[in-house]
């Protein structure tokens, strides 16, 4: 009996013979670009999404202010508004991701361009809807 308990204890501690319940996809380390991953763990994910960051930024109140008031590119006000627009966009993406089943959100086209490509749903519309609800 003690031998069996020791064997079970050894297996549990060492992880020998354990198989993960579900093996997710991963972004190969040599192709990983963390600037293009907005949410999740690129080492292991099951339901990836992709988003057009440009569309999200263009939908923010800050970007609309830049356009409406024709804020000159390169000015301090321009960069402050654009930083705020970017920050708001990332917050909308992460907030959407937390409330969804998606466990990885990346820039539109990034995952499809990997070798081998990773298929991901385009969640831009859902993120835009989420952004509108947060205003």
N, C-alpha and C. Protein backbone atom coordinates (compact mmCIF):
# COMPACT_ATOMS: atom_id res chain seq x y z
N UNK A 1 0.82 -1.19 0.00
CA UNK A 1 0.00 0.00 0.00
C UNK A 1 0.87 1.26 0.00
N UNK A 2 1.94 1.24 0.80
CA UNK A 2 2.82 2.40 0.86
C UNK A 2 3.50 2.62 -0.48
N UNK A 3 3.82 1.54 -1.18
CA UNK A 3 4.46 1.66 -2.50
C UNK A 3 3.53 2.37 -3.49
N UNK A 4 2.27 2.01 -3.46
CA UNK A 4 1.30 2.63 -4.36
C UNK A 4 1.16 4.12 -4.03
N UNK A 5 1.07 4.44 -2.75
CA UNK A 5 0.96 5.84 -2.34
C UNK A 5 2.19 6.63 -2.77
N UNK A 6 3.37 6.04 -2.61
CA UNK A 6 4.60 6.70 -3.05
C UNK A 6 4.60 6.93 -4.56
N UNK A 7 4.16 5.92 -5.30
CA UNK A 7 4.10 6.03 -6.76
C UNK A 7 3.12 7.13 -7.18
N UNK A 8 1.97 7.15 -6.57
CA UNK A 8 0.97 8.18 -6.88
C UNK A 8 1.53 9.56 -6.53
N UNK A 9 2.15 9.67 -5.37
CA UNK A 9 2.74 10.93 -4.95
C UNK A 9 3.83 11.37 -5.91
N UNK A 10 4.67 10.45 -6.35
CA UNK A 10 5.74 10.76 -7.31
C UNK A 10 5.14 11.26 -8.62
N UNK A 11 4.11 10.60 -9.10
CA UNK A 11 3.47 11.00 -10.36
C UNK A 11 2.87 12.40 -10.23
N UNK A 12 2.19 12.66 -9.11
CA UNK A 12 1.58 13.97 -8.92
C UNK A 12 2.62 15.08 -8.81
N UNK A 13 3.69 14.83 -8.08
CA UNK A 13 4.72 15.85 -7.90
C UNK A 13 5.51 16.08 -9.18
N UNK A 14 5.88 15.03 -9.87
CA UNK A 14 6.74 15.18 -11.05
C UNK A 14 5.96 15.49 -12.33
N UNK A 15 4.68 15.21 -12.32
CA UNK A 15 3.90 15.45 -13.53
C UNK A 15 4.04 14.35 -14.56
N UNK A 16 4.73 13.27 -14.24
CA UNK A 16 4.91 12.16 -15.19
C UNK A 16 3.57 11.57 -15.54
N UNK A 17 3.34 11.41 -16.82
CA UNK A 17 2.13 10.76 -17.28
C UNK A 17 0.92 11.67 -17.35
N UNK A 18 1.08 12.91 -16.96
CA UNK A 18 -0.07 13.80 -17.02
C UNK A 18 -0.15 14.42 -18.40
N UNK A 19 -1.35 14.45 -18.93
CA UNK A 19 -1.60 15.04 -20.24
C UNK A 19 -2.51 16.23 -20.03
N UNK A 20 -2.18 17.38 -20.62
CA UNK A 20 -3.07 18.53 -20.46
C UNK A 20 -4.46 18.22 -20.98
N UNK A 21 -5.47 18.79 -20.34
CA UNK A 21 -6.84 18.53 -20.75
C UNK A 21 -7.10 19.05 -22.15
N UNK A 22 -6.54 20.20 -22.48
CA UNK A 22 -6.70 20.69 -23.83
C UNK A 22 -5.42 21.41 -24.24
N UNK A 23 -4.92 21.03 -25.38
CA UNK A 23 -3.72 21.68 -25.87
C UNK A 23 -4.12 22.83 -26.75
N UNK A 24 -3.74 24.03 -26.35
CA UNK A 24 -4.07 25.20 -27.12
C UNK A 24 -2.99 25.49 -28.14
N UNK A 25 -3.27 26.46 -28.97
CA UNK A 25 -2.29 26.91 -29.95
C UNK A 25 -1.28 27.80 -29.25
N UNK A 26 -0.20 28.10 -29.94
CA UNK A 26 0.79 29.03 -29.42
C UNK A 26 1.47 29.73 -30.58
N UNK A 27 1.96 30.95 -30.31
CA UNK A 27 2.72 31.69 -31.30
C UNK A 27 4.17 31.25 -31.13
N UNK A 28 4.82 30.77 -32.20
CA UNK A 28 6.21 30.35 -32.08
C UNK A 28 7.07 31.49 -31.54
N UNK A 29 7.95 31.23 -30.58
CA UNK A 29 8.75 32.30 -29.96
C UNK A 29 9.53 33.14 -30.98
N UNK A 30 10.03 32.54 -32.03
CA UNK A 30 10.81 33.29 -33.01
C UNK A 30 9.94 34.22 -33.88
N UNK A 31 8.62 34.04 -33.84
CA UNK A 31 7.71 34.88 -34.61
C UNK A 31 6.88 35.81 -33.72
N UNK A 32 7.17 35.79 -32.45
CA UNK A 32 6.37 36.53 -31.48
C UNK A 32 6.70 38.02 -31.53
N UNK A 33 5.66 38.84 -31.65
CA UNK A 33 5.80 40.30 -31.62
C UNK A 33 4.78 40.82 -30.62
N UNK A 34 5.23 41.07 -29.40
CA UNK A 34 4.33 41.45 -28.32
C UNK A 34 3.65 42.80 -28.54
N UNK A 35 4.17 43.60 -29.46
CA UNK A 35 3.51 44.87 -29.79
C UNK A 35 2.22 44.63 -30.57
N UNK A 36 2.08 43.44 -31.12
CA UNK A 36 0.90 43.12 -31.92
C UNK A 36 -0.08 42.23 -31.16
N UNK A 37 0.21 41.95 -29.92
CA UNK A 37 -0.68 41.14 -29.08
C UNK A 37 -1.21 42.03 -27.98
N UNK A 38 -2.52 42.24 -27.98
CA UNK A 38 -3.14 43.19 -27.05
C UNK A 38 -3.68 42.53 -25.79
N UNK A 39 -3.93 41.25 -25.86
CA UNK A 39 -4.54 40.55 -24.73
C UNK A 39 -4.21 39.08 -24.80
N UNK A 40 -3.88 38.47 -23.69
CA UNK A 40 -3.72 37.03 -23.61
C UNK A 40 -2.28 36.58 -23.59
N UNK A 41 -2.14 35.27 -23.52
CA UNK A 41 -0.84 34.62 -23.42
C UNK A 41 -0.51 33.95 -24.75
N UNK A 42 0.52 34.42 -25.45
CA UNK A 42 0.86 33.83 -26.75
C UNK A 42 1.43 32.40 -26.64
N UNK A 43 1.73 31.96 -25.41
CA UNK A 43 2.25 30.60 -25.23
C UNK A 43 1.16 29.55 -25.31
N UNK A 44 -0.07 29.93 -24.98
CA UNK A 44 -1.15 28.95 -24.98
C UNK A 44 -2.50 29.67 -25.03
N UNK A 45 -3.26 29.38 -26.06
CA UNK A 45 -4.60 29.95 -26.19
C UNK A 45 -5.46 29.01 -27.02
N UNK A 46 -6.76 29.13 -26.84
CA UNK A 46 -7.70 28.26 -27.54
C UNK A 46 -8.62 29.00 -28.49
N UNK A 47 -8.93 30.26 -28.17
CA UNK A 47 -9.87 31.02 -29.00
C UNK A 47 -9.28 32.40 -29.28
N UNK A 48 -8.50 32.52 -30.37
CA UNK A 48 -7.90 33.81 -30.69
C UNK A 48 -8.84 34.72 -31.48
N UNK A 49 -8.64 36.01 -31.27
CA UNK A 49 -9.36 37.01 -32.03
C UNK A 49 -8.36 38.01 -32.60
N UNK A 50 -8.80 38.75 -33.59
CA UNK A 50 -7.95 39.79 -34.16
C UNK A 50 -8.79 41.06 -34.31
N UNK A 51 -8.11 42.21 -34.20
CA UNK A 51 -8.82 43.49 -34.21
C UNK A 51 -8.03 44.50 -35.02
N UNK A 52 -8.75 45.35 -35.73
CA UNK A 52 -8.13 46.46 -36.45
C UNK A 52 -7.96 47.61 -35.47
N UNK A 53 -6.74 47.78 -34.97
CA UNK A 53 -6.47 48.83 -34.00
C UNK A 53 -6.73 50.20 -34.60
N UNK A 54 -6.48 50.37 -35.89
CA UNK A 54 -6.72 51.66 -36.53
C UNK A 54 -8.20 52.02 -36.51
N UNK A 55 -9.06 51.05 -36.78
CA UNK A 55 -10.50 51.31 -36.74
C UNK A 55 -10.95 51.69 -35.32
N UNK A 56 -10.37 51.03 -34.33
CA UNK A 56 -10.75 51.33 -32.95
C UNK A 56 -10.27 52.73 -32.57
N UNK A 57 -9.02 53.05 -32.87
CA UNK A 57 -8.49 54.38 -32.55
C UNK A 57 -9.32 55.46 -33.24
N UNK A 58 -9.66 55.25 -34.49
CA UNK A 58 -10.44 56.25 -35.25
C UNK A 58 -11.84 56.45 -34.69
N UNK A 59 -12.31 55.54 -33.87
CA UNK A 59 -13.64 55.64 -33.30
C UNK A 59 -13.66 56.31 -31.93
N UNK A 60 -12.50 56.67 -31.42
CA UNK A 60 -12.45 57.28 -30.09
C UNK A 60 -12.81 58.76 -30.15
N UNK A 61 -13.33 59.30 -29.06
CA UNK A 61 -13.63 60.73 -29.01
C UNK A 61 -12.38 61.60 -29.23
N UNK A 62 -11.25 61.13 -28.75
CA UNK A 62 -10.02 61.91 -28.89
C UNK A 62 -9.60 62.04 -30.35
N UNK A 63 -9.70 60.95 -31.10
CA UNK A 63 -9.35 61.01 -32.53
C UNK A 63 -10.34 61.89 -33.27
N UNK A 64 -11.61 61.79 -32.90
CA UNK A 64 -12.62 62.63 -33.55
C UNK A 64 -12.37 64.12 -33.27
N UNK A 65 -11.85 64.43 -32.08
CA UNK A 65 -11.47 65.81 -31.76
C UNK A 65 -10.34 66.28 -32.66
N UNK A 66 -9.34 65.41 -32.87
CA UNK A 66 -8.22 65.74 -33.76
C UNK A 66 -8.75 66.07 -35.15
N UNK A 67 -9.67 65.26 -35.65
CA UNK A 67 -10.23 65.50 -36.98
C UNK A 67 -11.11 66.74 -37.03
N UNK A 68 -12.01 66.86 -36.06
CA UNK A 68 -12.97 67.97 -36.06
C UNK A 68 -12.28 69.33 -35.93
N UNK A 69 -11.31 69.39 -35.01
CA UNK A 69 -10.63 70.66 -34.76
C UNK A 69 -9.38 70.83 -35.63
N UNK A 70 -9.13 69.85 -36.48
CA UNK A 70 -7.96 69.89 -37.36
C UNK A 70 -6.68 70.20 -36.57
N UNK A 71 -6.50 69.43 -35.48
CA UNK A 71 -5.32 69.60 -34.63
C UNK A 71 -4.09 69.21 -35.46
N UNK A 72 -3.13 70.10 -35.50
CA UNK A 72 -1.96 69.92 -36.35
C UNK A 72 -1.06 68.80 -35.83
N UNK A 73 -0.74 67.89 -36.74
CA UNK A 73 0.15 66.77 -36.42
C UNK A 73 1.51 67.33 -35.96
N UNK A 74 2.05 66.72 -34.92
CA UNK A 74 3.34 67.15 -34.41
C UNK A 74 3.25 68.11 -33.24
N UNK A 75 2.08 68.67 -33.00
CA UNK A 75 1.93 69.58 -31.86
C UNK A 75 1.74 68.76 -30.58
N UNK A 76 1.97 69.41 -29.47
CA UNK A 76 1.79 68.73 -28.19
C UNK A 76 0.38 68.23 -28.00
N UNK A 77 -0.59 69.06 -28.37
CA UNK A 77 -2.00 68.67 -28.22
C UNK A 77 -2.31 67.44 -29.07
N UNK A 78 -1.78 67.41 -30.29
CA UNK A 78 -2.00 66.25 -31.17
C UNK A 78 -1.51 64.97 -30.50
N UNK A 79 -0.28 65.00 -29.99
CA UNK A 79 0.30 63.79 -29.40
C UNK A 79 -0.43 63.38 -28.13
N UNK A 80 -0.87 64.36 -27.35
CA UNK A 80 -1.63 64.03 -26.14
C UNK A 80 -2.95 63.36 -26.51
N UNK A 81 -3.66 63.93 -27.46
CA UNK A 81 -4.93 63.34 -27.89
C UNK A 81 -4.73 61.95 -28.49
N UNK A 82 -3.69 61.78 -29.28
CA UNK A 82 -3.45 60.47 -29.89
C UNK A 82 -3.05 59.43 -28.84
N UNK A 83 -2.29 59.84 -27.83
CA UNK A 83 -1.95 58.93 -26.74
C UNK A 83 -3.21 58.53 -25.99
N UNK A 84 -4.10 59.49 -25.74
CA UNK A 84 -5.36 59.18 -25.06
C UNK A 84 -6.23 58.25 -25.91
N UNK A 85 -6.25 58.48 -27.23
CA UNK A 85 -7.02 57.62 -28.13
C UNK A 85 -6.47 56.19 -28.12
N UNK A 86 -5.16 56.07 -28.14
CA UNK A 86 -4.53 54.74 -28.10
C UNK A 86 -4.82 54.03 -26.79
N UNK A 87 -4.71 54.78 -25.71
CA UNK A 87 -4.96 54.21 -24.38
C UNK A 87 -6.41 53.74 -24.27
N UNK A 88 -7.33 54.58 -24.72
CA UNK A 88 -8.75 54.21 -24.67
C UNK A 88 -9.01 52.96 -25.52
N UNK A 89 -8.34 52.85 -26.66
CA UNK A 89 -8.52 51.70 -27.55
C UNK A 89 -8.05 50.41 -26.90
N UNK A 90 -6.88 50.46 -26.27
CA UNK A 90 -6.35 49.26 -25.59
C UNK A 90 -7.26 48.89 -24.42
N UNK A 91 -7.75 49.87 -23.69
CA UNK A 91 -8.68 49.57 -22.60
C UNK A 91 -9.95 48.90 -23.12
N UNK A 92 -10.46 49.37 -24.26
CA UNK A 92 -11.67 48.77 -24.84
C UNK A 92 -11.40 47.33 -25.27
N UNK A 93 -10.23 47.09 -25.86
CA UNK A 93 -9.88 45.73 -26.28
C UNK A 93 -9.78 44.81 -25.08
N UNK A 94 -9.07 45.23 -24.04
CA UNK A 94 -8.90 44.36 -22.88
C UNK A 94 -10.21 44.17 -22.12
N UNK A 95 -11.03 45.22 -22.05
CA UNK A 95 -12.32 45.10 -21.38
C UNK A 95 -13.22 44.12 -22.15
N UNK A 96 -13.23 44.24 -23.48
CA UNK A 96 -14.00 43.30 -24.30
C UNK A 96 -13.49 41.88 -24.08
N UNK A 97 -12.17 41.70 -24.10
CA UNK A 97 -11.59 40.36 -23.96
C UNK A 97 -11.96 39.73 -22.63
N UNK A 98 -11.95 40.52 -21.57
CA UNK A 98 -12.30 39.98 -20.25
C UNK A 98 -13.74 39.47 -20.20
N UNK A 99 -14.61 40.10 -20.98
CA UNK A 99 -16.03 39.73 -20.95
C UNK A 99 -16.40 38.72 -22.03
N UNK A 100 -15.42 38.30 -22.82
CA UNK A 100 -15.71 37.38 -23.92
C UNK A 100 -15.02 36.04 -23.67
N UNK A 101 -15.19 35.14 -24.62
CA UNK A 101 -14.52 33.84 -24.56
C UNK A 101 -13.15 33.86 -25.21
N UNK A 102 -12.76 34.99 -25.80
CA UNK A 102 -11.48 35.07 -26.49
C UNK A 102 -10.35 35.16 -25.47
N UNK A 103 -9.35 34.30 -25.65
CA UNK A 103 -8.25 34.29 -24.70
C UNK A 103 -6.96 34.86 -25.30
N UNK A 104 -7.03 35.35 -26.54
CA UNK A 104 -5.92 36.05 -27.17
C UNK A 104 -6.52 37.02 -28.19
N UNK A 105 -6.10 38.29 -28.11
CA UNK A 105 -6.52 39.28 -29.10
C UNK A 105 -5.25 39.91 -29.67
N UNK A 106 -5.13 39.86 -30.99
CA UNK A 106 -3.94 40.38 -31.67
C UNK A 106 -4.35 41.34 -32.77
N UNK A 107 -3.35 42.04 -33.30
CA UNK A 107 -3.57 42.97 -34.41
C UNK A 107 -4.08 42.21 -35.63
N UNK A 108 -5.02 42.81 -36.32
CA UNK A 108 -5.60 42.22 -37.53
C UNK A 108 -4.50 41.84 -38.52
N UNK A 109 -4.49 40.59 -38.94
CA UNK A 109 -3.53 40.10 -39.92
C UNK A 109 -2.28 39.47 -39.34
N UNK A 110 -1.97 39.76 -38.06
CA UNK A 110 -0.73 39.24 -37.46
C UNK A 110 -0.73 37.71 -37.39
N UNK A 111 -1.77 37.13 -36.79
CA UNK A 111 -1.80 35.68 -36.61
C UNK A 111 -1.89 34.95 -37.94
N UNK A 112 -2.63 35.52 -38.89
CA UNK A 112 -2.76 34.90 -40.21
C UNK A 112 -1.44 34.91 -40.97
N UNK A 113 -0.55 35.83 -40.62
CA UNK A 113 0.72 35.95 -41.31
C UNK A 113 1.83 35.09 -40.74
N UNK A 114 1.54 34.36 -39.67
CA UNK A 114 2.55 33.49 -39.08
C UNK A 114 2.75 32.24 -39.92
N UNK A 115 3.83 31.54 -39.67
CA UNK A 115 4.11 30.30 -40.38
C UNK A 115 4.23 29.18 -39.36
N UNK A 116 3.26 28.30 -39.23
CA UNK A 116 2.01 28.22 -39.97
C UNK A 116 1.02 29.28 -39.47
N UNK A 117 0.09 29.68 -40.35
CA UNK A 117 -0.90 30.70 -39.97
C UNK A 117 -1.84 30.19 -38.88
N UNK A 118 -2.29 31.11 -38.06
CA UNK A 118 -3.27 30.79 -37.02
C UNK A 118 -4.56 31.52 -37.38
N UNK A 119 -5.62 30.77 -37.53
CA UNK A 119 -6.92 31.34 -37.86
C UNK A 119 -7.50 32.02 -36.62
N UNK A 120 -7.98 33.23 -36.81
CA UNK A 120 -8.55 33.99 -35.69
C UNK A 120 -9.77 34.76 -36.19
N UNK A 121 -10.77 34.87 -35.33
CA UNK A 121 -11.97 35.63 -35.64
C UNK A 121 -11.66 37.12 -35.63
N UNK A 122 -12.27 37.86 -36.54
CA UNK A 122 -12.15 39.31 -36.54
C UNK A 122 -13.18 39.85 -35.54
N UNK A 123 -12.71 40.44 -34.46
CA UNK A 123 -13.60 40.93 -33.40
C UNK A 123 -13.69 42.46 -33.38
N UNK A 124 -13.27 43.09 -34.47
CA UNK A 124 -13.26 44.55 -34.53
C UNK A 124 -14.64 45.13 -34.24
N UNK A 125 -15.67 44.60 -34.86
CA UNK A 125 -17.03 45.11 -34.67
C UNK A 125 -17.45 45.00 -33.21
N UNK A 126 -17.15 43.88 -32.57
CA UNK A 126 -17.51 43.70 -31.17
C UNK A 126 -16.76 44.69 -30.27
N UNK A 127 -15.47 44.92 -30.58
CA UNK A 127 -14.69 45.88 -29.79
C UNK A 127 -15.24 47.29 -29.99
N UNK A 128 -15.60 47.64 -31.23
CA UNK A 128 -16.19 48.96 -31.49
C UNK A 128 -17.50 49.13 -30.72
N UNK A 129 -18.32 48.09 -30.71
CA UNK A 129 -19.57 48.14 -29.93
C UNK A 129 -19.26 48.34 -28.45
N UNK A 130 -18.26 47.63 -27.97
CA UNK A 130 -17.86 47.73 -26.57
C UNK A 130 -17.36 49.15 -26.27
N UNK A 131 -16.59 49.71 -27.16
CA UNK A 131 -16.09 51.08 -27.02
C UNK A 131 -17.24 52.07 -26.91
N UNK A 132 -18.26 51.91 -27.75
CA UNK A 132 -19.42 52.81 -27.74
C UNK A 132 -20.18 52.71 -26.41
N UNK A 133 -20.23 51.52 -25.84
CA UNK A 133 -20.95 51.33 -24.57
C UNK A 133 -20.20 51.98 -23.41
N UNK A 134 -18.87 52.08 -23.53
CA UNK A 134 -18.06 52.63 -22.43
C UNK A 134 -18.05 54.15 -22.40
N UNK A 135 -18.47 54.80 -23.47
CA UNK A 135 -18.41 56.27 -23.50
C UNK A 135 -19.33 56.91 -22.49
